[in-house]
Each structure stands twice: as C-alpha cells, then as structure tokens.
Amino acid sequence: MTRTALRLALLGDSLAHGSGAARPQDALGPRLAAALEEAGYAVDLHVLAVPGAVSAGLAAQVRRAAPLEADLAVVLVGANDLTRLVPPAQAAAALAAALHQLHAAGTDVVVVPAPDMSMVPWVPPALRPLVQSASALLQREQAAVARAAGAMVAEVSDAVAVTFGADPALFSADRFHPSSAGYAHIAQALVPFVVAAAHARRDAAAA
C-alpha cells in the first residue's frame, strides 16, 4: 500500500509534549502518529511543544515550525493560561495569531481547547465549580478563534474530564499531568479528529 507522506507537528504545553508519560512512545505525539500510520500515512513527527507554555509561547513554537513546512499541526494549549490566570481574551488572541501564521504557511490545524482543570486532584472541591467555569470560558474563546482561522476544533474536554475525574490512575505521580494510561485515553478521543483532518487535506490535494 502506498502511504501518503504527512509532516505532523505538535505545539502547545506539557500535554502536547508528553510530560508524565512513563515512556516516550506513550506520549500523545507518538500515539497520534501511530494512529495516522494505521490510517495509511507515512508520518514525520515533530514535537515542538514546551512544558509550562502559555498561549503567548505559541509564537516561538510557530517560528520553529516554519522550516518544517508541516502538513498538519495539533495545538494543545490553555492549562497554564488557567493556572496563571491569563485573561481568556488575551490567551485566545495569542492562539489566533499562531493559527493565522500556521494557515499562511499552508499548515492545516487541529486545535484542542484547554482541559477542564476542575478534574485535577489537587483542586479543592469547593473551588471546582469556579475552575470549571473558568475552563469553559477559555474553551469557548479558543474554539471561536480556531473556527474563525479555519482550524478544526477537537472538543473532547468534557468526555476526557469525566473519565479523568473518575480514575486517578489516569494521572501521573504529580497528580497534574496524565500518566501513560491517561495519554492513551486522550489520544483515543483525539484520533478521529486528527485522522479526519489528514484525510481532508489528502482529498483536497487529490481533487
């Protein structure tokens, strides 16, 4: 079977980087690349994400991505904007700028909005409604700018949060980042979106 070459870039924060995974292959990037390989692509994976990054940090990552001429980028960002109380409009504006630069470079993008941080174990129960509300606000802002920029939005936060909230084993030892099992669950939720974006690009090129 002839495979379609696909240059895949992951941008964002520690979730995109894979912090907490027990082995490199358990991180999100390799899992998504493996799913794309199964779907018929020859994947050239580049993980440009930086642990601790806020949305404003995407600008530097996009500059690093430019020489790669990536076909598809997956952007996961927002958790650190929430923990550092970055205003949602400011975080969304930084995301929008990055998406426009990627689009101008010919890269298709899947945006994964911020996780629901209320499911993180160290968040006190009394504060969870407030944290959930803040997370939802940022998610809406991110989804709006992503769609305006022509990106695909992978709205998986609610489903992921329910599962993570019910199973502590999905968190790594720091009780903040996903474990290898957690990344497997996130990847499972994201694969349909990422494969769909890859197929759409391939089909458009063949038209």
C-alpha atoms as a PDB file:
ATOM      1  CA  MET A   1       0.000   0.000   0.000  1.00  0.00           C
ATOM      2  CA  THR A   2       1.314   3.433  -0.949  1.00  0.00           C
ATOM      3  CA  ARG A   3       1.361   5.713   2.064  1.00  0.00           C
ATOM      4  CA  THR A   4       0.737   9.459   1.927  1.00  0.00           C
ATOM      5  CA  ALA A   5       3.604  11.454   3.399  1.00  0.00           C
ATOM      6  CA  LEU A   6       2.462  13.630   6.298  1.00  0.00           C
ATOM      7  CA  ARG A   7       4.578  16.033   8.328  1.00  0.00           C
ATOM      8  CA  LEU A   8       2.912  16.306  11.740  1.00  0.00           C
ATOM      9  CA  ALA A   9       3.776  18.950  14.347  1.00  0.00           C
ATOM     10  CA  LEU A  10       2.562  19.132  17.928  1.00  0.00           C
ATOM     11  CA  LEU A  11       2.540  22.576  19.506  1.00  0.00           C
ATOM     12  CA  GLY A  12       1.478  23.753  22.931  1.00  0.00           C
ATOM     13  CA  ASP A  13       2.278  22.852  26.513  1.00  0.00           C
ATOM     14  CA  SER A  14       3.171  19.790  28.583  1.00  0.00           C
ATOM     15  CA  LEU A  15       0.159  17.817  27.317  1.00  0.00           C
ATOM     16  CA  ALA A  16       1.441  18.081  23.759  1.00  0.00           C
ATOM     17  CA  HIS A  17       4.991  17.452  24.961  1.00  0.00           C
ATOM     18  CA  GLY A  18       4.069  14.286  26.866  1.00  0.00           C
ATOM     19  CA  SER A  19       5.067  15.196  30.432  1.00  0.00           C
ATOM     20  CA  GLY A  20       4.086  12.410  32.824  1.00  0.00           C
ATOM     21  CA  ALA A  21       4.250   9.556  30.318  1.00  0.00           C
ATOM     22  CA  ALA A  22       6.338   6.617  31.519  1.00  0.00           C
ATOM     23  CA  ARG A  23       7.891   6.043  28.087  1.00  0.00           C
ATOM     24  CA  PRO A  24       8.410   8.348  25.080  1.00  0.00           C
ATOM     25  CA  GLN A  25       6.143   6.200  22.927  1.00  0.00           C
ATOM     26  CA  ASP A  26       3.326   6.635  25.446  1.00  0.00           C
ATOM     27  CA  ALA A  27       3.159  10.392  24.868  1.00  0.00           C
ATOM     28  CA  LEU A  28       0.483  11.974  22.715  1.00  0.00           C
ATOM     29  CA  GLY A  29       2.615  12.677  19.638  1.00  0.00           C
ATOM     30  CA  PRO A  30       3.777   9.103  19.063  1.00  0.00           C
ATOM     31  CA  ARG A  31       0.266   7.785  19.754  1.00  0.00           C
ATOM     32  CA  LEU A  32      -1.282  10.119  17.173  1.00  0.00           C
ATOM     33  CA  ALA A  33       1.488   9.313  14.696  1.00  0.00           C
ATOM     34  CA  ALA A  34       0.850   5.583  15.155  1.00  0.00           C
ATOM     35  CA  ALA A  35      -2.872   6.064  14.510  1.00  0.00           C
ATOM     36  CA  LEU A  36      -2.118   8.026  11.354  1.00  0.00           C
ATOM     37  CA  GLU A  37       0.282   5.313  10.212  1.00  0.00           C
ATOM     38  CA  GLU A  38      -2.544   2.795  10.631  1.00  0.00           C
ATOM     39  CA  ALA A  39      -4.745   5.096   8.549  1.00  0.00           C
ATOM     40  CA  GLY A  40      -2.293   4.979   5.647  1.00  0.00           C
ATOM     41  CA  TYR A  41       0.147   7.824   6.252  1.00  0.00           C
ATOM     42  CA  ALA A  42       3.931   7.910   6.422  1.00  0.00           C
ATOM     43  CA  VAL A  43       4.300  10.272   9.350  1.00  0.00           C
ATOM     44  CA  ASP A  44       7.224  12.576  10.059  1.00  0.00           C
ATOM     45  CA  LEU A  45       6.546  13.669  13.657  1.00  0.00           C
ATOM     46  CA  HIS A  46       7.926  16.836  15.242  1.00  0.00           C
ATOM     47  CA  VAL A  47       7.026  17.687  18.846  1.00  0.00           C
ATOM     48  CA  LEU A  48       7.678  21.404  19.323  1.00  0.00           C
ATOM     49  CA  ALA A  49       5.580  21.838  22.456  1.00  0.00           C
ATOM     50  CA  VAL A  50       7.205  23.281  25.566  1.00  0.00           C
ATOM     51  CA  PRO A  51       6.189  22.220  29.095  1.00  0.00           C
ATOM     52  CA  GLY A  52       4.854  25.193  31.020  1.00  0.00           C
ATOM     53  CA  ALA A  53       3.998  27.173  27.909  1.00  0.00           C
ATOM     54  CA  VAL A  54       1.090  29.585  27.882  1.00  0.00           C
ATOM     55  CA  SER A  55      -0.663  30.593  24.670  1.00  0.00           C
ATOM     56  CA  ALA A  56       1.698  33.524  24.185  1.00  0.00           C
ATOM     57  CA  GLY A  57       4.509  30.971  23.867  1.00  0.00           C
ATOM     58  CA  LEU A  58       2.986  29.588  20.674  1.00  0.00           C
ATOM     59  CA  ALA A  59       4.614  32.380  18.656  1.00  0.00           C
ATOM     60  CA  ALA A  60       8.099  30.974  19.253  1.00  0.00           C
ATOM     61  CA  GLN A  61       6.921  27.443  18.517  1.00  0.00           C
ATOM     62  CA  VAL A  62       5.392  28.564  15.217  1.00  0.00           C
ATOM     63  CA  ARG A  63       8.711  30.145  14.257  1.00  0.00           C
ATOM     64  CA  ARG A  64      10.432  26.842  14.977  1.00  0.00           C
ATOM     65  CA  ALA A  65       7.817  25.037  12.911  1.00  0.00           C
ATOM     66  CA  ALA A  66       8.294  27.231   9.826  1.00  0.00           C
ATOM     67  CA  PRO A  67      11.283  25.339   8.336  1.00  0.00           C
ATOM     68  CA  LEU A  68       9.436  22.026   8.738  1.00  0.00           C
ATOM     69  CA  GLU A  69       6.640  23.023   6.349  1.00  0.00           C
ATOM     70  CA  ALA A  70       4.273  20.852   8.357  1.00  0.00           C
ATOM     71  CA  ASP A  71       1.159  19.489   6.664  1.00  0.00           C
ATOM     72  CA  LEU A  72      -0.803  19.185   9.885  1.00  0.00           C
ATOM     73  CA  ALA A  73      -0.368  20.715  13.322  1.00  0.00           C
ATOM     74  CA  VAL A  74      -2.123  19.699  16.526  1.00  0.00           C
ATOM     75  CA  VAL A  75      -2.234  22.517  19.078  1.00  0.00           C
ATOM     76  CA  LEU A  76      -2.966  21.779  22.738  1.00  0.00           C
ATOM     77  CA  VAL A  77      -2.716  24.803  24.993  1.00  0.00           C
ATOM     78  CA  GLY A  78      -4.547  26.583  27.789  1.00  0.00           C
ATOM     79  CA  ALA A  79      -3.895  24.705  31.018  1.00  0.00           C
ATOM     80  CA  ASN A  80      -1.104  27.067  32.042  1.00  0.00           C
ATOM     81  CA  ASP A  81      -3.117  30.112  30.999  1.00  0.00           C
ATOM     82  CA  LEU A  82      -5.713  28.944  33.504  1.00  0.00           C
ATOM     83  CA  THR A  83      -3.288  28.218  36.319  1.00  0.00           C
ATOM     84  CA  ARG A  84      -1.538  31.571  35.778  1.00  0.00           C
ATOM     85  CA  LEU A  85      -4.828  33.488  35.484  1.00  0.00           C
ATOM     86  CA  VAL A  86      -4.106  34.798  31.980  1.00  0.00           C
ATOM     87  CA  PRO A  87      -7.243  36.641  30.797  1.00  0.00           C
ATOM     88  CA  PRO A  88      -9.154  34.383  28.373  1.00  0.00           C
ATOM     89  CA  ALA A  89      -9.337  37.039  25.663  1.00  0.00           C
ATOM     90  CA  GLN A  90      -5.565  37.541  25.865  1.00  0.00           C
ATOM     91  CA  ALA A  91      -4.885  33.807  25.643  1.00  0.00           C
ATOM     92  CA  ALA A  92      -7.316  33.406  22.738  1.00  0.00           C
ATOM     93  CA  ALA A  93      -5.733  36.315  20.872  1.00  0.00           C
ATOM     94  CA  ALA A  94      -2.312  34.669  21.138  1.00  0.00           C
ATOM     95  CA  LEU A  95      -3.784  31.411  19.851  1.00  0.00           C
ATOM     96  CA  ALA A  96      -5.454  33.228  16.958  1.00  0.00           C
ATOM     97  CA  ALA A  97      -2.179  34.848  15.922  1.00  0.00           C
ATOM     98  CA  ALA A  98      -0.429  31.476  15.907  1.00  0.00           C
ATOM     99  CA  LEU A  99      -3.207  29.856  13.889  1.00  0.00           C
ATOM    100  CA  HIS A 100      -3.145  32.572  11.252  1.00  0.00           C
ATOM    101  CA  GLN A 101       0.619  32.129  10.884  1.00  0.00           C
ATOM    102  CA  LEU A 102       0.253  28.371  10.510  1.00  0.00           C
ATOM    103  CA  HIS A 103      -2.528  28.801   7.965  1.00  0.00           C
ATOM    104  CA  ALA A 104      -0.434  31.278   5.994  1.00  0.00           C
ATOM    105  CA  ALA A 105       2.347  28.679   5.887  1.00  0.00           C
ATOM    106  CA  GLY A 106      -0.039  26.115   4.381  1.00  0.00           C
ATOM    107  CA  THR A 107      -0.446  24.026   7.538  1.00  0.00           C
ATOM    108  CA  ASP A 108      -3.820  22.585   8.480  1.00  0.00           C
ATOM    109  CA  VAL A 109      -4.540  22.682  12.201  1.00  0.00           C
ATOM    110  CA  VAL A 110      -6.487  20.741  14.816  1.00  0.00           C
ATOM    111  CA  VAL A 111      -6.995  22.796  17.978  1.00  0.00           C
ATOM    112  CA  VAL A 112      -7.627  21.018  21.263  1.00  0.00           C
ATOM    113  CA  PRO A 113      -9.134  23.555  23.683  1.00  0.00           C
ATOM    114  CA  ALA A 114      -7.907  23.787  27.258  1.00  0.00           C
ATOM    115  CA  PRO A 115      -8.716  20.908  29.586  1.00  0.00           C
ATOM    116  CA  ASP A 116     -11.273  21.228  32.340  1.00  0.00           C
ATOM    117  CA  MET A 117      -8.861  21.895  35.175  1.00  0.00           C
ATOM    118  CA  SER A 118     -11.500  21.227  37.821  1.00  0.00           C
ATOM    119  CA  MET A 119     -10.811  17.490  37.498  1.00  0.00           C
ATOM    120  CA  VAL A 120      -7.187  17.862  38.618  1.00  0.00           C
ATOM    121  CA  PRO A 121      -6.882  16.104  42.012  1.00  0.00           C
ATOM    122  CA  TRP A 122      -5.232  18.970  43.860  1.00  0.00           C
ATOM    123  CA  VAL A 123      -8.074  21.417  43.103  1.00  0.00           C
ATOM    124  CA  PRO A 124     -10.106  21.765  46.336  1.00  0.00           C
ATOM    125  CA  PRO A 125     -13.711  20.588  45.930  1.00  0.00           C
ATOM    126  CA  ALA A 126     -15.042  23.987  46.996  1.00  0.00           C
ATOM    127  CA  LEU A 127     -13.196  25.653  44.106  1.00  0.00           C
ATOM    128  CA  ARG A 128     -14.076  23.164  41.396  1.00  0.00           C
ATOM    129  CA  PRO A 129     -17.206  24.971  40.147  1.00  0.00           C
ATOM    130  CA  LEU A 130     -15.200  28.188  39.748  1.00  0.00           C
ATOM    131  CA  VAL A 131     -12.331  26.400  37.996  1.00  0.00           C
ATOM    132  CA  GLN A 132     -14.762  24.552  35.742  1.00  0.00           C
ATOM    133  CA  SER A 133     -16.421  27.834  34.778  1.00  0.00           C
ATOM    134  CA  ALA A 134     -13.070  29.471  34.007  1.00  0.00           C
ATOM    135  CA  SER A 135     -12.035  26.463  31.927  1.00  0.00           C
ATOM    136  CA  ALA A 136     -15.289  26.560  29.949  1.00  0.00           C
ATOM    137  CA  LEU A 137     -14.885  30.267  29.233  1.00  0.00           C
ATOM    138  CA  LEU A 138     -11.386  29.792  27.839  1.00  0.00           C
ATOM    139  CA  GLN A 139     -12.537  26.776  25.825  1.00  0.00           C
ATOM    140  CA  ARG A 140     -15.274  28.862  24.174  1.00  0.00           C
ATOM    141  CA  GLU A 141     -12.859  31.680  23.350  1.00  0.00           C
ATOM    142  CA  GLN A 142     -10.359  29.211  21.891  1.00  0.00           C
ATOM    143  CA  ALA A 143     -12.984  27.402  19.820  1.00  0.00           C
ATOM    144  CA  ALA A 144     -14.268  30.683  18.398  1.00  0.00           C
ATOM    145  CA  VAL A 145     -10.863  31.917  17.224  1.00  0.00           C
ATOM    146  CA  ALA A 146      -9.946  28.463  15.934  1.00  0.00           C
ATOM    147  CA  ARG A 147     -13.031  28.230  13.745  1.00  0.00           C
ATOM    148  CA  ALA A 148     -12.523  31.801  12.544  1.00  0.00           C
ATOM    149  CA  ALA A 149      -8.996  30.804  11.469  1.00  0.00           C
ATOM    150  CA  GLY A 150     -10.247  27.736   9.596  1.00  0.00           C
ATOM    151  CA  ALA A 151      -8.923  25.200  12.090  1.00  0.00           C
ATOM    152  CA  MET A 152     -10.694  22.029  13.169  1.00  0.00           C
ATOM    153  CA  VAL A 153     -11.754  22.078  16.827  1.00  0.00           C
ATOM    154  CA  ALA A 154     -11.472  18.825  18.784  1.00  0.00           C
ATOM    155  CA  GLU A 155     -13.989  19.382  21.562  1.00  0.00           C
ATOM    156  CA  VAL A 156     -13.098  16.446  23.772  1.00  0.00           C
ATOM    157  CA  SER A 157     -12.668  18.193  27.110  1.00  0.00           C
ATOM    158  CA  ASP A 158     -15.983  17.160  28.664  1.00  0.00           C
ATOM    159  CA  ALA A 159     -15.582  13.472  27.865  1.00  0.00           C
ATOM    160  CA  VAL A 160     -11.949  13.433  28.958  1.00  0.00           C
ATOM    161  CA  ALA A 161     -12.719  15.287  32.200  1.00  0.00           C
ATOM    162  CA  VAL A 162     -15.420  12.802  33.198  1.00  0.00           C
ATOM    163  CA  THR A 163     -13.083   9.856  32.745  1.00  0.00           C
ATOM    164  CA  PHE A 164     -10.109  11.514  34.439  1.00  0.00           C
ATOM    165  CA  GLY A 165     -12.301  12.598  37.330  1.00  0.00           C
ATOM    166  CA  ALA A 166     -13.372   9.009  37.903  1.00  0.00           C
ATOM    167  CA  ASP A 167      -9.997   7.275  37.570  1.00  0.00           C
ATOM    168  CA  PRO A 168      -6.948   8.570  39.496  1.00  0.00           C
ATOM    169  CA  ALA A 169      -4.725   6.116  37.571  1.00  0.00           C
ATOM    170  CA  LEU A 170      -5.033   8.375  34.542  1.00  0.00           C
ATOM    171  CA  PHE A 171      -2.842  10.917  36.346  1.00  0.00           C
ATOM    172  CA  SER A 172       0.905  10.575  36.778  1.00  0.00           C
ATOM    173  CA  ALA A 173       2.611  10.723  40.180  1.00  0.00           C
ATOM    174  CA  ASP A 174       2.487  14.538  40.247  1.00  0.00           C
ATOM    175  CA  ARG A 175      -1.347  14.374  40.185  1.00  0.00           C
ATOM    176  CA  PHE A 176      -1.371  17.020  37.453  1.00  0.00           C
ATOM    177  CA  HIS A 177      -0.054  15.534  34.203  1.00  0.00           C
ATOM    178  CA  PRO A 178      -1.570  12.450  32.573  1.00  0.00           C
ATOM    179  CA  SER A 179       0.002   9.056  33.081  1.00  0.00           C
ATOM    180  CA  SER A 180       0.704   6.750  30.149  1.00  0.00           C
ATOM    181  CA  ALA A 181      -2.840   5.417  30.559  1.00  0.00           C
ATOM    182  CA  GLY A 182      -4.124   8.981  30.606  1.00  0.00           C
ATOM    183  CA  TYR A 183      -2.393   9.802  27.343  1.00  0.00           C
ATOM    184  CA  ALA A 184      -3.865   6.673  25.796  1.00  0.00           C
ATOM    185  CA  HIS A 185      -7.332   7.910  26.728  1.00  0.00           C
ATOM    186  CA  ILE A 186      -6.695  11.421  25.380  1.00  0.00           C
ATOM    187  CA  ALA A 187      -5.250  10.031  22.155  1.00  0.00           C
ATOM    188  CA  GLN A 188      -8.273   7.793  21.691  1.00  0.00           C
ATOM    189  CA  ALA A 189     -10.525  10.850  21.905  1.00  0.00           C
ATOM    190  CA  LEU A 190      -8.381  12.902  19.517  1.00  0.00           C
ATOM    191  CA  VAL A 191      -7.618  10.312  16.839  1.00  0.00           C
ATOM    192  CA  PRO A 192     -10.926  10.722  14.931  1.00  0.00           C
ATOM    193  CA  PHE A 193     -10.344  14.471  14.593  1.00  0.00           C
ATOM    194  CA  VAL A 194      -6.690  14.171  13.605  1.00  0.00           C
ATOM    195  CA  VAL A 195      -7.330  11.425  11.066  1.00  0.00           C
ATOM    196  CA  ALA A 196     -10.271  13.377   9.639  1.00  0.00           C
ATOM    197  CA  ALA A 197      -8.071  16.454   9.213  1.00  0.00           C
ATOM    198  CA  ALA A 198      -5.380  14.383   7.489  1.00  0.00           C
ATOM    199  CA  HIS A 199      -7.948  12.800   5.162  1.00  0.00           C
ATOM    200  CA  ALA A 200      -9.436  16.198   4.319  1.00  0.00           C
ATOM    201  CA  ARG A 201      -6.005  17.543   3.367  1.00  0.00           C
ATOM    202  CA  ARG A 202      -5.204  14.453   1.286  1.00  0.00           C
ATOM    203  CA  ASP A 203      -8.546  14.592  -0.505  1.00  0.00           C
ATOM    204  CA  ALA A 204      -8.177  18.308  -1.224  1.00  0.00           C
ATOM    205  CA  ALA A 205      -4.730  17.720  -2.722  1.00  0.00           C
ATOM    206  CA  ALA A 206      -6.107  14.948  -4.937  1.00  0.00           C
ATOM    207  CA  ALA A 207      -9.103  16.974  -6.155  1.00  0.00           C
END
